[in-house]
Amino acid sequence: MIDYSPLFISVKTSCIATIIAFFTGIYAAYIIVKIKRFKGILDAILTLPLVLPPTVVGFLLLIAFGKNSIIGQLLLKMGYSLVFSWEATVLAAVVVSFPLMYRTTRGAFEQLDKNIIYAAQTLGISEWKIFWHIMLPNTRHGLIAGVILTFTRALGEFGATIMVAGNIPKVTQTISTAIYSAVQAGDNTAAVFWVGIIISFSFIVIVLMNFWLKYNEDSKMKVPAGNGG
């Protein structure tokens, strides 16, 4: 009998990781677009988890949050250990998926017509209002695409997760680690089942995103009918 807990753990982890990456990714993209100095270095640091092998990311997270690290020692004094906990699956998913949200949002911000922003600044509108009422609404398609990519990446995370969170059934076992366990145990039925679940889930999410973006593009192209004449 198949245990469905990996599905619930994966979806819960991906949703929370996406929410965290959404806000941090938008903020990071906004800062990077605004600054002039060290932009290339900071961008490389923020993008690095995207190009590093996930196991390397997981190893670095172990060094940063393990029991022998400064952060790990502080957490132990508070009676808490992050490593091999469910929260560690969220941490791994956030770090690995964050660059997708950041890069997509930054691209959307950079493609925004700067004349709109300059006009708003000329009118004396504050940077905060420009961000909320001009930048975000006019880049919503890019933001939504970033959210979808972030969610699907978090859903399929494996390498960093198994390094920092482990593969504990009903606690940290996600769909990806469940596939690994099934293959290791020679249970091809369970492996095929979970592979089918994650492929179907990711495919449906991406197709829905494409339909939504296409619908919005078509809506923009429609010219309102005149009143006659």
Protein backbone atom coordinates (compact mmCIF):
# COMPACT_ATOMS: atom_id res chain seq x y z
CA MET A 1 0.00 0.00 0.00
CA ILE A 2 1.37 3.40 -1.00
CA ASP A 3 1.92 5.99 1.72
CA TYR A 4 0.64 9.35 0.47
CA SER A 5 2.49 11.44 3.06
CA PRO A 6 5.28 12.40 0.57
CA LEU A 7 2.64 14.13 -1.57
CA PHE A 8 1.30 16.18 1.34
CA ILE A 9 4.81 17.02 2.58
CA SER A 10 5.93 18.05 -0.91
CA VAL A 11 2.92 20.26 -1.59
CA LYS A 12 3.09 21.89 1.85
CA THR A 13 6.84 22.45 1.53
CA SER A 14 6.54 23.84 -2.00
CA CYS A 15 3.73 26.24 -1.08
CA ILE A 16 5.57 27.70 1.89
CA ALA A 17 8.89 27.82 0.01
CA THR A 18 7.18 29.61 -2.89
CA ILE A 19 5.67 32.22 -0.57
CA ILE A 20 9.06 32.91 1.02
CA ALA A 21 10.87 32.98 -2.32
CA PHE A 22 8.15 35.24 -3.77
CA PHE A 23 8.69 38.04 -1.28
CA THR A 24 12.46 37.67 -0.93
CA GLY A 25 12.92 37.28 -4.69
CA ILE A 26 10.93 40.41 -5.51
CA TYR A 27 12.76 42.42 -2.84
CA ALA A 28 16.17 41.20 -4.01
CA ALA A 29 15.32 41.95 -7.66
CA TYR A 30 14.14 45.45 -6.74
CA ILE A 31 17.35 46.16 -4.83
CA ILE A 32 19.60 44.81 -7.58
CA VAL A 33 17.81 46.85 -10.25
CA LYS A 34 18.21 50.00 -8.17
CA ILE A 35 21.84 49.75 -7.08
CA LYS A 36 24.79 50.80 -9.22
CA ARG A 37 27.82 49.31 -7.48
CA PHE A 38 28.69 45.62 -7.05
CA LYS A 39 25.58 44.62 -9.02
CA GLY A 40 27.41 41.86 -10.90
CA ILE A 41 28.90 40.34 -7.73
CA LEU A 42 25.63 40.43 -5.79
CA ASP A 43 23.72 39.01 -8.76
CA ALA A 44 26.21 36.15 -9.00
CA ILE A 45 25.78 35.34 -5.30
CA LEU A 46 21.98 35.35 -5.55
CA THR A 47 22.00 33.23 -8.72
CA LEU A 48 24.65 30.76 -7.55
CA PRO A 49 22.22 28.15 -6.11
CA LEU A 50 20.70 27.86 -9.58
CA VAL A 51 23.92 26.66 -11.19
CA LEU A 52 25.51 24.74 -8.30
CA PRO A 53 24.75 21.02 -7.94
CA PRO A 54 21.94 20.66 -5.37
CA THR A 55 24.12 18.39 -3.24
CA VAL A 56 26.66 21.19 -2.97
CA VAL A 57 23.90 23.56 -1.86
CA GLY A 58 22.80 20.98 0.70
CA PHE A 59 26.35 20.57 1.98
CA LEU A 60 26.72 24.33 2.39
CA LEU A 61 23.42 24.43 4.27
CA LEU A 62 24.70 21.69 6.57
CA ILE A 63 27.81 23.76 7.27
CA ALA A 64 25.71 26.87 7.91
CA PHE A 65 22.95 25.30 10.00
CA GLY A 66 24.51 22.09 11.35
CA LYS A 67 24.99 21.45 15.05
CA ASN A 68 28.62 22.59 14.91
CA SER A 69 27.84 25.91 13.21
CA ILE A 70 27.22 29.21 15.02
CA ILE A 71 23.57 29.22 13.94
CA GLY A 72 23.20 25.56 14.88
CA GLN A 73 24.66 26.16 18.33
CA LEU A 74 22.28 29.06 18.91
CA LEU A 75 19.33 26.92 17.88
CA LEU A 76 20.46 24.09 20.17
CA LYS A 77 20.55 26.50 23.12
CA MET A 78 16.91 27.23 22.35
CA GLY A 79 16.22 23.50 22.29
CA TYR A 80 15.79 23.21 18.55
CA SER A 81 17.70 21.49 15.78
CA LEU A 82 16.97 22.52 12.20
CA VAL A 83 18.83 19.73 10.41
CA PHE A 84 16.71 16.65 9.60
CA SER A 85 13.47 18.45 10.42
CA TRP A 86 10.55 19.35 8.19
CA GLU A 87 11.63 22.98 8.33
CA ALA A 88 14.89 21.90 6.71
CA THR A 89 12.95 20.71 3.66
CA VAL A 90 11.49 24.21 3.37
CA LEU A 91 14.94 25.78 3.77
CA ALA A 92 16.40 23.58 1.02
CA ALA A 93 13.45 24.28 -1.30
CA VAL A 94 13.69 28.05 -0.72
CA VAL A 95 17.42 28.27 -1.37
CA VAL A 96 17.28 26.17 -4.53
CA SER A 97 14.14 27.76 -6.01
CA PHE A 98 14.80 31.37 -4.95
CA PRO A 99 17.06 32.21 -7.95
CA LEU A 100 14.22 31.41 -10.37
CA MET A 101 11.92 33.91 -8.68
CA TYR A 102 14.70 36.46 -8.42
CA ARG A 103 15.90 36.16 -12.02
CA THR A 104 12.39 36.17 -13.50
CA THR A 105 11.38 39.20 -11.45
CA ARG A 106 14.56 41.08 -12.24
CA GLY A 107 14.04 40.47 -15.96
CA ALA A 108 10.47 41.75 -15.68
CA PHE A 109 11.60 44.87 -13.82
CA GLU A 110 14.34 45.62 -16.34
CA GLN A 111 11.93 45.27 -19.28
CA LEU A 112 9.48 47.73 -17.76
CA ASP A 113 9.27 51.00 -19.67
CA LYS A 114 11.43 53.39 -17.66
CA ASN A 115 9.50 56.39 -18.95
CA ILE A 116 6.54 55.35 -16.80
CA ILE A 117 8.72 55.41 -13.70
CA TYR A 118 10.37 58.70 -14.68
CA ALA A 119 6.95 60.28 -15.21
CA ALA A 120 5.80 59.10 -11.78
CA GLN A 121 8.96 60.48 -10.17
CA THR A 122 8.42 63.80 -11.94
CA LEU A 123 4.93 63.95 -10.42
CA GLY A 124 6.47 63.50 -6.97
CA ILE A 125 5.13 59.99 -6.35
CA SER A 126 7.15 58.18 -3.66
CA GLU A 127 9.36 55.19 -4.51
CA TRP A 128 7.18 52.99 -2.33
CA LYS A 129 4.03 53.89 -4.29
CA ILE A 130 5.87 53.53 -7.59
CA PHE A 131 6.88 50.03 -6.56
CA TRP A 132 3.40 48.94 -5.42
CA HIS A 133 1.22 50.77 -7.93
CA ILE A 134 3.38 50.84 -11.06
CA MET A 135 6.17 48.25 -11.02
CA LEU A 136 4.26 45.29 -9.60
CA PRO A 137 1.04 45.67 -11.64
CA ASN A 138 2.98 46.18 -14.89
CA THR A 139 5.21 43.15 -14.33
CA ARG A 140 2.56 40.77 -13.01
CA HIS A 141 2.93 38.33 -15.91
CA GLY A 142 6.62 37.91 -15.16
CA LEU A 143 5.91 37.57 -11.45
CA ILE A 144 3.32 34.87 -12.03
CA ALA A 145 5.69 33.00 -14.32
CA GLY A 146 8.33 33.25 -11.58
CA VAL A 147 5.90 31.87 -9.01
CA ILE A 148 5.05 28.86 -11.20
CA LEU A 149 8.69 28.09 -11.94
CA THR A 150 9.58 28.50 -8.27
CA PHE A 151 6.80 26.19 -7.15
CA THR A 152 7.62 23.44 -9.63
CA ARG A 153 11.33 23.66 -8.81
CA ALA A 154 10.60 23.43 -5.09
CA LEU A 155 8.27 20.50 -5.72
CA GLY A 156 10.99 18.53 -7.47
CA GLU A 157 13.87 19.40 -5.14
CA PHE A 158 15.98 16.39 -4.14
CA GLY A 159 19.72 16.90 -3.69
CA ALA A 160 19.76 19.69 -1.13
CA THR A 161 16.75 18.22 0.66
CA ILE A 162 18.24 14.80 1.23
CA MET A 163 21.50 16.39 2.45
CA VAL A 164 20.04 18.79 5.00
CA ALA A 165 16.63 17.26 5.80
CA GLY A 166 17.22 13.58 5.17
CA ASN A 167 14.62 11.10 4.03
CA ILE A 168 12.53 10.44 7.11
CA PRO A 169 9.13 8.86 6.32
CA LYS A 170 6.15 11.04 7.30
CA VAL A 171 8.51 13.84 8.39
CA THR A 172 10.90 14.93 5.63
CA GLN A 173 10.24 12.40 2.87
CA THR A 174 9.12 14.32 -0.22
CA ILE A 175 8.05 12.88 -3.56
CA SER A 176 11.60 13.08 -4.90
CA THR A 177 13.13 11.30 -1.92
CA ALA A 178 10.27 8.78 -1.97
CA ILE A 179 11.23 7.92 -5.56
CA TYR A 180 14.83 7.47 -4.45
CA SER A 181 13.79 5.19 -1.59
CA ALA A 182 11.52 3.14 -3.84
CA VAL A 183 14.27 2.62 -6.41
CA GLN A 184 16.74 1.68 -3.69
CA ALA A 185 14.26 -0.85 -2.32
CA GLY A 186 13.50 -2.24 -5.77
CA ASP A 187 9.87 -1.16 -5.52
CA ASN A 188 9.32 -0.12 -9.13
CA THR A 189 5.56 0.19 -8.67
CA ALA A 190 5.92 2.92 -6.05
CA ALA A 191 8.71 4.60 -8.04
CA VAL A 192 6.62 4.71 -11.22
CA PHE A 193 3.61 5.98 -9.25
CA TRP A 194 5.51 8.90 -7.73
CA VAL A 195 7.26 9.72 -11.01
CA GLY A 196 3.88 9.87 -12.69
CA ILE A 197 2.49 12.09 -9.92
CA ILE A 198 5.28 14.64 -10.05
CA ILE A 199 5.39 14.75 -13.88
CA SER A 200 1.61 15.16 -14.10
CA PHE A 201 1.52 17.79 -11.36
CA SER A 202 4.32 19.86 -12.89
CA PHE A 203 2.95 19.50 -16.43
CA ILE A 204 -0.56 20.62 -15.45
CA VAL A 205 0.76 23.63 -13.53
CA ILE A 206 2.93 24.79 -16.45
CA VAL A 207 0.14 24.26 -19.01
CA LEU A 208 -2.28 26.27 -16.87
CA MET A 209 0.32 29.04 -16.62
CA ASN A 210 0.73 29.10 -20.41
CA PHE A 211 -3.02 29.24 -20.96
CA TRP A 212 -3.35 32.07 -18.44
CA LEU A 213 -0.55 34.10 -20.03
CA LYS A 214 -1.99 33.49 -23.50
CA TYR A 215 -5.44 34.59 -22.31
CA ASN A 216 -4.03 37.82 -20.90
CA GLU A 217 -2.06 38.52 -24.07
CA ASP A 218 -5.21 38.02 -26.16
CA SER A 219 -7.15 40.29 -23.82
CA LYS A 220 -4.58 43.05 -24.27
CA MET A 221 -4.79 42.81 -28.05
CA LYS A 222 -8.57 43.25 -28.10
CA VAL A 223 -9.60 46.80 -28.93
CA PRO A 224 -12.74 48.01 -27.15
CA ALA A 225 -15.59 48.63 -29.55
CA GLY A 226 -16.54 52.24 -30.13
CA ASN A 227 -19.92 53.75 -29.52
CA GLY A 228 -20.61 54.07 -33.20
CA GLY A 229 -19.81 56.56 -35.93
